[in-house]
Protein backbone atom coordinates (compact mmCIF):
# COMPACT_ATOMS: atom_id res chain seq x y z
CA UNK A 1 0.00 0.00 0.00
CA UNK A 2 1.35 3.38 -0.98
CA UNK A 3 0.84 6.29 1.40
CA UNK A 4 0.61 9.56 -0.46
CA UNK A 5 -1.12 11.86 2.03
CA UNK A 6 -0.60 12.09 5.79
CA UNK A 7 -2.97 13.90 8.13
CA UNK A 8 -2.19 14.64 11.78
CA UNK A 9 -4.43 16.29 14.37
CA UNK A 10 -3.33 17.36 17.84
CA UNK A 11 -5.94 18.50 20.38
CA UNK A 12 -5.46 19.65 23.96
CA UNK A 13 -8.05 20.75 26.50
CA UNK A 14 -7.12 23.10 29.35
CA UNK A 15 -9.15 23.59 32.53
CA UNK A 16 -9.29 27.32 33.24
CA UNK A 17 -11.20 26.96 36.50
CA UNK A 18 -14.68 28.22 37.36
CA UNK A 19 -16.22 25.60 35.03
CA UNK A 20 -14.41 27.06 32.02
CA UNK A 21 -12.18 25.20 29.62
CA UNK A 22 -10.27 25.89 26.45
CA UNK A 23 -9.84 23.32 23.71
CA UNK A 24 -7.23 24.01 21.06
CA UNK A 25 -6.61 21.88 18.00
CA UNK A 26 -4.31 21.89 15.00
CA UNK A 27 -4.63 19.69 11.90
CA UNK A 28 -1.84 19.40 9.37
CA UNK A 29 -1.77 17.57 6.05
CA UNK A 30 1.21 16.62 3.98
CA UNK A 31 1.69 14.94 0.64
CA UNK A 32 4.72 12.72 0.22
CA UNK A 33 6.40 10.83 -2.57
CA UNK A 34 6.40 7.21 -1.33
CA UNK A 35 9.56 6.43 -3.28
CA UNK A 36 11.59 9.26 -1.73
CA UNK A 37 10.15 10.10 1.70
CA UNK A 38 9.68 8.22 4.95
CA UNK A 39 6.01 8.20 6.02
CA UNK A 40 6.84 7.58 9.70
CA UNK A 41 9.33 10.45 9.81
CA UNK A 42 6.91 12.78 8.08
CA UNK A 43 4.14 11.81 10.51
CA UNK A 44 6.38 12.53 13.50
CA UNK A 45 7.41 15.87 12.01
CA UNK A 46 3.80 16.92 11.37
CA UNK A 47 2.75 15.80 14.88
CA UNK A 48 5.53 17.86 16.50
CA UNK A 49 4.62 20.90 14.41
CA UNK A 50 0.93 20.59 15.37
CA UNK A 51 1.83 20.16 19.05
CA UNK A 52 4.09 23.23 18.97
CA UNK A 53 1.33 25.29 17.31
CA UNK A 54 -1.19 24.36 20.01
CA UNK A 55 1.34 25.10 22.75
CA UNK A 56 2.17 28.49 21.26
CA UNK A 57 -1.52 29.40 20.98
CA UNK A 58 -2.22 28.27 24.55
CA UNK A 59 0.57 30.17 26.33
CA UNK A 60 -1.15 33.62 26.50
CA UNK A 61 -4.42 32.09 27.72
CA UNK A 62 -2.71 29.91 30.32
CA UNK A 63 -0.68 32.85 31.64
CA UNK A 64 -3.93 34.79 32.08
CA UNK A 65 -5.59 31.88 33.93
CA UNK A 66 -5.02 31.90 37.69
CA UNK A 67 -6.11 28.25 37.91
CA UNK A 68 -3.53 27.06 35.37
CA UNK A 69 -0.73 29.17 36.88
CA UNK A 70 -1.44 27.78 40.36
CA UNK A 71 -1.51 24.27 38.91
CA UNK A 72 1.86 24.84 37.23
CA UNK A 73 3.37 26.14 40.47
CA UNK A 74 2.09 23.12 42.40
CA UNK A 75 3.47 20.74 39.76
CA UNK A 76 6.86 22.47 39.77
CA UNK A 77 6.98 22.40 43.58
CA UNK A 78 6.02 18.71 43.64
CA UNK A 79 8.68 17.78 41.08
CA UNK A 80 11.35 19.67 43.04
CA UNK A 81 10.41 17.89 46.28
CA UNK A 82 10.60 14.48 44.62
CA UNK A 83 14.21 15.09 43.60
CA UNK A 84 15.12 16.37 47.07
CA UNK A 85 13.63 13.29 48.70
CA UNK A 86 15.50 10.99 46.31
CA UNK A 87 18.78 12.78 47.06
CA UNK A 88 18.24 12.21 50.78
CA UNK A 89 17.45 8.51 50.34
C-alpha atoms as a PDB file:
ATOM      1  CA  UNK A   1       0.000   0.000   0.000  1.00  0.00           C
ATOM      2  CA  UNK A   2       1.351   3.385  -0.976  1.00  0.00           C
ATOM      3  CA  UNK A   3       0.842   6.285   1.402  1.00  0.00           C
ATOM      4  CA  UNK A   4       0.614   9.564  -0.459  1.00  0.00           C
ATOM      5  CA  UNK A   5      -1.121  11.856   2.034  1.00  0.00           C
ATOM      6  CA  UNK A   6      -0.596  12.087   5.789  1.00  0.00           C
ATOM      7  CA  UNK A   7      -2.972  13.903   8.133  1.00  0.00           C
ATOM      8  CA  UNK A   8      -2.194  14.639  11.782  1.00  0.00           C
ATOM      9  CA  UNK A   9      -4.435  16.285  14.373  1.00  0.00           C
ATOM     10  CA  UNK A  10      -3.333  17.359  17.843  1.00  0.00           C
ATOM     11  CA  UNK A  11      -5.939  18.504  20.381  1.00  0.00           C
ATOM     12  CA  UNK A  12      -5.459  19.647  23.956  1.00  0.00           C
ATOM     13  CA  UNK A  13      -8.051  20.746  26.505  1.00  0.00           C
ATOM     14  CA  UNK A  14      -7.122  23.102  29.353  1.00  0.00           C
ATOM     15  CA  UNK A  15      -9.148  23.593  32.528  1.00  0.00           C
ATOM     16  CA  UNK A  16      -9.294  27.325  33.239  1.00  0.00           C
ATOM     17  CA  UNK A  17     -11.201  26.955  36.499  1.00  0.00           C
ATOM     18  CA  UNK A  18     -14.679  28.221  37.360  1.00  0.00           C
ATOM     19  CA  UNK A  19     -16.219  25.603  35.031  1.00  0.00           C
ATOM     20  CA  UNK A  20     -14.413  27.058  32.021  1.00  0.00           C
ATOM     21  CA  UNK A  21     -12.182  25.203  29.624  1.00  0.00           C
ATOM     22  CA  UNK A  22     -10.273  25.889  26.452  1.00  0.00           C
ATOM     23  CA  UNK A  23      -9.840  23.315  23.706  1.00  0.00           C
ATOM     24  CA  UNK A  24      -7.235  24.008  21.057  1.00  0.00           C
ATOM     25  CA  UNK A  25      -6.607  21.883  18.001  1.00  0.00           C
ATOM     26  CA  UNK A  26      -4.314  21.887  14.999  1.00  0.00           C
ATOM     27  CA  UNK A  27      -4.630  19.692  11.903  1.00  0.00           C
ATOM     28  CA  UNK A  28      -1.840  19.399   9.366  1.00  0.00           C
ATOM     29  CA  UNK A  29      -1.770  17.565   6.048  1.00  0.00           C
ATOM     30  CA  UNK A  30       1.214  16.617   3.976  1.00  0.00           C
ATOM     31  CA  UNK A  31       1.686  14.936   0.636  1.00  0.00           C
ATOM     32  CA  UNK A  32       4.718  12.716   0.217  1.00  0.00           C
ATOM     33  CA  UNK A  33       6.401  10.832  -2.569  1.00  0.00           C
ATOM     34  CA  UNK A  34       6.400   7.206  -1.326  1.00  0.00           C
ATOM     35  CA  UNK A  35       9.562   6.433  -3.281  1.00  0.00           C
ATOM     36  CA  UNK A  36      11.592   9.257  -1.729  1.00  0.00           C
ATOM     37  CA  UNK A  37      10.154  10.104   1.697  1.00  0.00           C
ATOM     38  CA  UNK A  38       9.682   8.224   4.955  1.00  0.00           C
ATOM     39  CA  UNK A  39       6.007   8.195   6.021  1.00  0.00           C
ATOM     40  CA  UNK A  40       6.836   7.585   9.704  1.00  0.00           C
ATOM     41  CA  UNK A  41       9.332  10.450   9.808  1.00  0.00           C
ATOM     42  CA  UNK A  42       6.908  12.778   8.076  1.00  0.00           C
ATOM     43  CA  UNK A  43       4.144  11.805  10.514  1.00  0.00           C
ATOM     44  CA  UNK A  44       6.383  12.527  13.498  1.00  0.00           C
ATOM     45  CA  UNK A  45       7.408  15.866  12.013  1.00  0.00           C
ATOM     46  CA  UNK A  46       3.797  16.918  11.374  1.00  0.00           C
ATOM     47  CA  UNK A  47       2.751  15.802  14.883  1.00  0.00           C
ATOM     48  CA  UNK A  48       5.532  17.856  16.504  1.00  0.00           C
ATOM     49  CA  UNK A  49       4.624  20.898  14.407  1.00  0.00           C
ATOM     50  CA  UNK A  50       0.931  20.591  15.370  1.00  0.00           C
ATOM     51  CA  UNK A  51       1.829  20.165  19.054  1.00  0.00           C
ATOM     52  CA  UNK A  52       4.086  23.231  18.970  1.00  0.00           C
ATOM     53  CA  UNK A  53       1.329  25.293  17.308  1.00  0.00           C
ATOM     54  CA  UNK A  54      -1.193  24.356  20.008  1.00  0.00           C
ATOM     55  CA  UNK A  55       1.336  25.097  22.754  1.00  0.00           C
ATOM     56  CA  UNK A  56       2.169  28.487  21.258  1.00  0.00           C
ATOM     57  CA  UNK A  57      -1.521  29.402  20.978  1.00  0.00           C
ATOM     58  CA  UNK A  58      -2.221  28.274  24.555  1.00  0.00           C
ATOM     59  CA  UNK A  59       0.565  30.171  26.332  1.00  0.00           C
ATOM     60  CA  UNK A  60      -1.150  33.616  26.496  1.00  0.00           C
ATOM     61  CA  UNK A  61      -4.422  32.092  27.723  1.00  0.00           C
ATOM     62  CA  UNK A  62      -2.715  29.912  30.325  1.00  0.00           C
ATOM     63  CA  UNK A  63      -0.682  32.846  31.638  1.00  0.00           C
ATOM     64  CA  UNK A  64      -3.932  34.792  32.076  1.00  0.00           C
ATOM     65  CA  UNK A  65      -5.591  31.884  33.934  1.00  0.00           C
ATOM     66  CA  UNK A  66      -5.015  31.895  37.690  1.00  0.00           C
ATOM     67  CA  UNK A  67      -6.114  28.251  37.907  1.00  0.00           C
ATOM     68  CA  UNK A  68      -3.533  27.061  35.366  1.00  0.00           C
ATOM     69  CA  UNK A  69      -0.735  29.165  36.881  1.00  0.00           C
ATOM     70  CA  UNK A  70      -1.442  27.784  40.363  1.00  0.00           C
ATOM     71  CA  UNK A  71      -1.515  24.270  38.908  1.00  0.00           C
ATOM     72  CA  UNK A  72       1.855  24.836  37.232  1.00  0.00           C
ATOM     73  CA  UNK A  73       3.370  26.145  40.467  1.00  0.00           C
ATOM     74  CA  UNK A  74       2.091  23.119  42.401  1.00  0.00           C
ATOM     75  CA  UNK A  75       3.470  20.742  39.758  1.00  0.00           C
ATOM     76  CA  UNK A  76       6.858  22.468  39.772  1.00  0.00           C
ATOM     77  CA  UNK A  77       6.984  22.398  43.581  1.00  0.00           C
ATOM     78  CA  UNK A  78       6.015  18.712  43.643  1.00  0.00           C
ATOM     79  CA  UNK A  79       8.676  17.782  41.080  1.00  0.00           C
ATOM     80  CA  UNK A  80      11.349  19.669  43.045  1.00  0.00           C
ATOM     81  CA  UNK A  81      10.407  17.890  46.276  1.00  0.00           C
ATOM     82  CA  UNK A  82      10.600  14.480  44.617  1.00  0.00           C
ATOM     83  CA  UNK A  83      14.211  15.088  43.596  1.00  0.00           C
ATOM     84  CA  UNK A  84      15.119  16.368  47.067  1.00  0.00           C
ATOM     85  CA  UNK A  85      13.634  13.288  48.703  1.00  0.00           C
ATOM     86  CA  UNK A  86      15.502  10.993  46.312  1.00  0.00           C
ATOM     87  CA  UNK A  87      18.776  12.784  47.063  1.00  0.00           C
ATOM     88  CA  UNK A  88      18.244  12.210  50.783  1.00  0.00           C
ATOM     89  CA  UNK A  89      17.446   8.512  50.340  1.00  0.00           C
END
